Amino acid sequence: MRVIAGTARSMPLRTVKGMDIRPTTDRTKETLFNILMPRIPNCRFLDLFAGSGSIGIEALSRGASEAVFVENTRAHQALILENLEFTKLADRARIEKGDVNTVLSRLEGGEPFDVIFMDPPFNHGLEKSALELLSHLHLLAEDGVIVVEASPKTDFSYLSEYGYRKIKERKYSMSQHIFLVRDNV
């Protein structure tokens, strides 16, 4: 796994062996950032279920002004910090330790994020509970976007109930990206 573009281009990132972290492939990451690129420069980026931190690090490398990484597992928190220090991007990053829903509630009242990315463990419904909570908080900038990486089988039929509108969808062999905005935008 590596950083694809920007100031940390081609730098390798460490990951944990096993299925605790399911790294986003380079091709999938490239597609994701090709879509997000107009939003990345100078944005505030929130990386939920951050794992190794590769998505938030990619955003920083491509010009995000700040990235906040939310991760519950201590080993993964240490891995994110190690990857941030190795890529020399730690000065624009913050790691929030804890359960995603707890951290989201703690972040309420702060400056909103332009891009919120989440890649929760597949098939546990964690994206649904995070989206529900986000619908009640003011963490997404007015013209911001939420991107959910999920199993291709994940049902998103509830989105309008939470006030979201799907603006784009990309399906891959093992995952999909759903791009959401607030429905009132």
Protein backbone atom coordinates (compact mmCIF):
# COMPACT_ATOMS: atom_id res chain seq x y z
CA MET A 1 0.00 0.00 0.00
CA ARG A 2 1.32 3.42 -0.94
CA VAL A 3 0.42 7.08 -1.35
CA ILE A 4 -0.60 7.57 -4.98
CA ALA A 5 -0.16 11.32 -5.59
CA GLY A 6 0.89 14.61 -4.07
CA THR A 7 3.71 15.55 -1.72
CA ALA A 8 4.06 12.01 -0.32
CA ARG A 9 3.67 10.31 -3.72
CA SER A 10 4.92 6.69 -3.90
CA MET A 11 5.74 6.54 -0.19
CA PRO A 12 4.87 3.13 1.23
CA LEU A 13 2.40 2.92 4.11
CA ARG A 14 2.44 0.26 6.77
CA THR A 15 -0.61 -1.84 7.48
CA VAL A 16 -1.49 -4.59 9.92
CA LYS A 17 -1.46 -8.13 8.61
CA GLY A 18 -4.77 -10.00 8.73
CA MET A 19 -8.33 -8.91 8.13
CA ASP A 20 -8.54 -6.24 10.86
CA ILE A 21 -7.73 -3.70 8.16
CA ARG A 22 -9.01 -4.16 4.64
CA PRO A 23 -6.80 -1.74 2.66
CA THR A 24 -8.39 0.12 -0.22
CA THR A 25 -6.59 -0.97 -3.39
CA ASP A 26 -4.50 1.55 -5.31
CA ARG A 27 -6.89 1.41 -8.27
CA THR A 28 -9.94 2.02 -6.06
CA LYS A 29 -8.14 4.82 -4.21
CA GLU A 30 -7.13 6.42 -7.53
CA THR A 31 -10.76 6.34 -8.75
CA LEU A 32 -11.99 7.78 -5.45
CA PHE A 33 -9.55 10.68 -5.53
CA ASN A 34 -10.13 11.40 -9.21
CA ILE A 35 -13.76 12.05 -8.25
CA LEU A 36 -12.90 13.98 -5.07
CA MET A 37 -9.99 16.00 -6.47
CA PRO A 38 -11.88 19.29 -6.98
CA ARG A 39 -12.86 19.19 -3.28
CA ILE A 40 -9.49 18.21 -1.77
CA PRO A 41 -7.25 21.32 -1.93
CA ASN A 42 -7.50 23.19 1.39
CA CYS A 43 -10.38 21.02 2.63
CA ARG A 44 -10.99 19.66 6.12
CA PHE A 45 -11.09 15.87 5.77
CA LEU A 46 -12.61 13.45 8.30
CA ASP A 47 -11.51 9.82 8.01
CA LEU A 48 -13.85 7.56 10.02
CA PHE A 49 -12.89 3.95 10.80
CA ALA A 50 -9.45 5.09 9.64
CA GLY A 51 -7.57 1.77 9.88
CA SER A 52 -4.05 2.51 8.62
CA GLY A 53 -4.96 6.10 7.74
CA SER A 54 -4.23 5.66 4.05
CA ILE A 55 -7.28 7.59 2.77
CA GLY A 56 -6.77 10.60 5.03
CA ILE A 57 -3.03 10.56 4.30
CA GLU A 58 -3.80 10.55 0.57
CA ALA A 59 -6.03 13.60 1.11
CA LEU A 60 -3.26 15.41 3.01
CA SER A 61 -0.71 14.50 0.37
CA ARG A 62 -3.02 15.98 -2.29
CA GLY A 63 -3.47 19.28 -0.45
CA ALA A 64 -6.10 18.93 2.28
CA SER A 65 -5.44 21.54 4.94
CA GLU A 66 -6.30 19.16 7.79
CA ALA A 67 -7.30 15.54 8.31
CA VAL A 68 -8.86 14.09 11.42
CA PHE A 69 -8.55 10.32 11.80
CA VAL A 70 -11.06 8.46 13.97
CA GLU A 71 -10.01 5.00 15.09
CA ASN A 72 -10.98 2.83 18.03
CA THR A 73 -8.17 0.23 17.99
CA ARG A 74 -4.92 1.20 19.75
CA ALA A 75 -2.72 -0.75 17.34
CA HIS A 76 -4.34 1.04 14.41
CA GLN A 77 -3.99 4.43 16.13
CA ALA A 78 -0.25 3.77 16.51
CA LEU A 79 -0.07 2.69 12.87
CA ILE A 80 -1.78 5.90 11.69
CA LEU A 81 0.69 7.98 13.71
CA GLU A 82 3.63 6.02 12.31
CA ASN A 83 2.36 6.51 8.73
CA LEU A 84 1.75 10.23 9.32
CA GLU A 85 5.24 10.72 10.73
CA PHE A 86 6.86 8.71 7.91
CA THR A 87 5.08 10.79 5.24
CA LYS A 88 5.84 14.02 7.15
CA LEU A 89 2.15 14.95 7.22
CA ALA A 90 1.58 14.72 10.98
CA ASP A 91 1.58 18.52 11.43
CA ARG A 92 -1.78 18.78 9.60
CA ALA A 93 -3.36 15.73 11.20
CA ARG A 94 -5.10 14.77 14.41
CA ILE A 95 -6.02 11.30 15.64
CA GLU A 96 -9.25 11.06 17.63
CA LYS A 97 -9.28 7.90 19.70
CA GLY A 98 -12.51 6.06 20.39
CA ASP A 99 -15.68 4.65 18.95
CA VAL A 100 -16.84 6.55 15.85
CA ASN A 101 -20.24 7.57 17.26
CA THR A 102 -18.68 8.79 20.52
CA VAL A 103 -16.02 10.79 18.68
CA LEU A 104 -18.56 12.28 16.26
CA SER A 105 -20.60 13.55 19.21
CA ARG A 106 -17.41 14.96 20.75
CA LEU A 107 -16.54 16.79 17.49
CA GLU A 108 -19.96 18.50 17.33
CA GLY A 109 -19.65 22.26 17.63
CA GLY A 110 -16.27 22.41 15.92
CA GLU A 111 -15.50 23.56 12.40
CA PRO A 112 -17.36 21.42 9.84
CA PHE A 113 -15.65 19.06 7.40
CA ASP A 114 -15.69 19.41 3.62
CA VAL A 115 -15.24 15.67 3.06
CA ILE A 116 -16.25 12.91 5.44
CA PHE A 117 -15.02 9.47 4.41
CA MET A 118 -15.98 6.25 6.16
CA ASP A 119 -14.85 2.69 5.56
CA PRO A 120 -16.37 0.66 8.40
CA PRO A 121 -16.05 -3.10 8.73
CA PHE A 122 -18.38 -4.56 6.10
CA ASN A 123 -21.80 -6.02 6.85
CA HIS A 124 -22.17 -4.79 10.45
CA GLY A 125 -24.46 -1.81 9.80
CA LEU A 126 -21.90 0.62 11.20
CA GLU A 127 -22.24 2.98 8.22
CA LYS A 128 -25.97 3.23 8.87
CA SER A 129 -25.55 4.20 12.53
CA ALA A 130 -22.80 6.71 11.66
CA LEU A 131 -24.94 8.27 8.89
CA GLU A 132 -27.91 8.49 11.23
CA LEU A 133 -25.84 10.29 13.87
CA LEU A 134 -24.25 12.59 11.27
CA SER A 135 -27.73 13.56 10.09
CA HIS A 136 -28.36 15.12 13.54
CA LEU A 137 -24.96 16.80 13.89
CA HIS A 138 -23.47 19.82 12.14
CA LEU A 139 -20.17 18.24 11.10
CA LEU A 140 -20.64 18.35 7.32
CA ALA A 141 -19.96 21.68 5.61
CA GLU A 142 -22.90 23.13 3.68
CA ASP A 143 -21.44 22.03 0.33
CA GLY A 144 -19.63 19.01 1.79
CA VAL A 145 -19.77 15.39 0.72
CA ILE A 146 -19.85 12.10 2.60
CA VAL A 147 -18.25 9.07 0.95
CA VAL A 148 -19.07 5.60 2.23
CA GLU A 149 -17.01 2.57 1.26
CA ALA A 150 -19.10 -0.54 1.75
CA SER A 151 -19.73 -4.04 0.54
CA PRO A 152 -21.43 -4.15 -2.87
CA LYS A 153 -24.37 -5.84 -1.11
CA THR A 154 -24.93 -3.02 1.40
CA ASP A 155 -28.46 -1.61 1.30
CA PHE A 156 -28.67 2.18 1.24
CA SER A 157 -32.45 2.46 0.71
CA TYR A 158 -32.78 4.44 3.97
CA LEU A 159 -30.70 7.46 2.84
CA SER A 160 -33.61 9.84 2.20
CA GLU A 161 -34.99 9.11 5.69
CA TYR A 162 -31.76 10.59 7.12
CA GLY A 163 -31.81 13.57 4.75
CA TYR A 164 -29.17 12.40 2.27
CA ARG A 165 -29.15 12.30 -1.51
CA LYS A 166 -26.84 10.02 -3.46
CA ILE A 167 -24.97 12.02 -6.11
CA LYS A 168 -22.62 9.34 -7.37
CA GLU A 169 -21.90 5.66 -6.99
CA ARG A 170 -18.91 3.56 -8.04
CA LYS A 171 -18.99 -0.21 -7.84
CA TYR A 172 -15.88 -2.37 -7.77
CA SER A 173 -15.50 -6.13 -7.51
CA MET A 174 -15.18 -6.20 -3.71
CA SER A 175 -16.60 -2.82 -2.63
CA GLN A 176 -18.50 0.28 -3.62
CA HIS A 177 -18.26 4.02 -2.97
CA ILE A 178 -21.45 5.97 -2.36
CA PHE A 179 -21.17 9.79 -2.54
CA LEU A 180 -23.77 11.66 -0.48
CA VAL A 181 -24.83 15.25 0.11
CA ARG A 182 -27.49 16.67 2.37
CA ASP A 183 -30.81 16.48 0.55
CA ASN A 184 -31.62 20.14 1.21
CA VAL A 185 -28.53 21.27 -0.74
